[in-house]
């Protein structure tokens, strides 16, 4: 997850949530 290092501590949890939500679709 190289993109994870580019996110702030605030953005990371939200981005991961959206990322996994897209996988579930």
Protein backbone atom coordinates (compact mmCIF):
# COMPACT_ATOMS: atom_id res chain seq x y z
CA UNK A 1 0.00 0.00 0.00
CA UNK A 2 2.34 2.69 -1.21
CA UNK A 3 -0.53 5.16 -1.36
CA UNK A 4 -1.02 4.81 2.40
CA UNK A 5 2.23 6.65 3.06
CA UNK A 6 0.95 9.65 1.12
CA UNK A 7 -2.18 10.04 3.24
CA UNK A 8 -2.45 11.91 6.52
CA UNK A 9 -3.55 10.13 9.70
CA UNK A 10 -7.01 11.65 9.16
CA UNK A 11 -7.36 10.64 5.52
CA UNK A 12 -5.99 7.10 5.85
CA UNK A 13 -8.91 5.51 7.81
CA UNK A 14 -11.48 7.07 5.46
CA UNK A 15 -9.60 6.10 2.31
CA UNK A 16 -9.17 2.51 3.49
CA UNK A 17 -12.88 2.32 4.33
CA UNK A 18 -13.82 3.49 0.84
CA UNK A 19 -11.21 1.20 -0.69
CA UNK A 20 -12.60 -1.90 1.02
CA UNK A 21 -16.17 -0.80 0.29
CA UNK A 22 -15.31 -0.74 -3.41
CA UNK A 23 -13.89 -4.25 -3.16
CA UNK A 24 -17.12 -5.44 -1.57
CA UNK A 25 -19.20 -4.13 -4.47
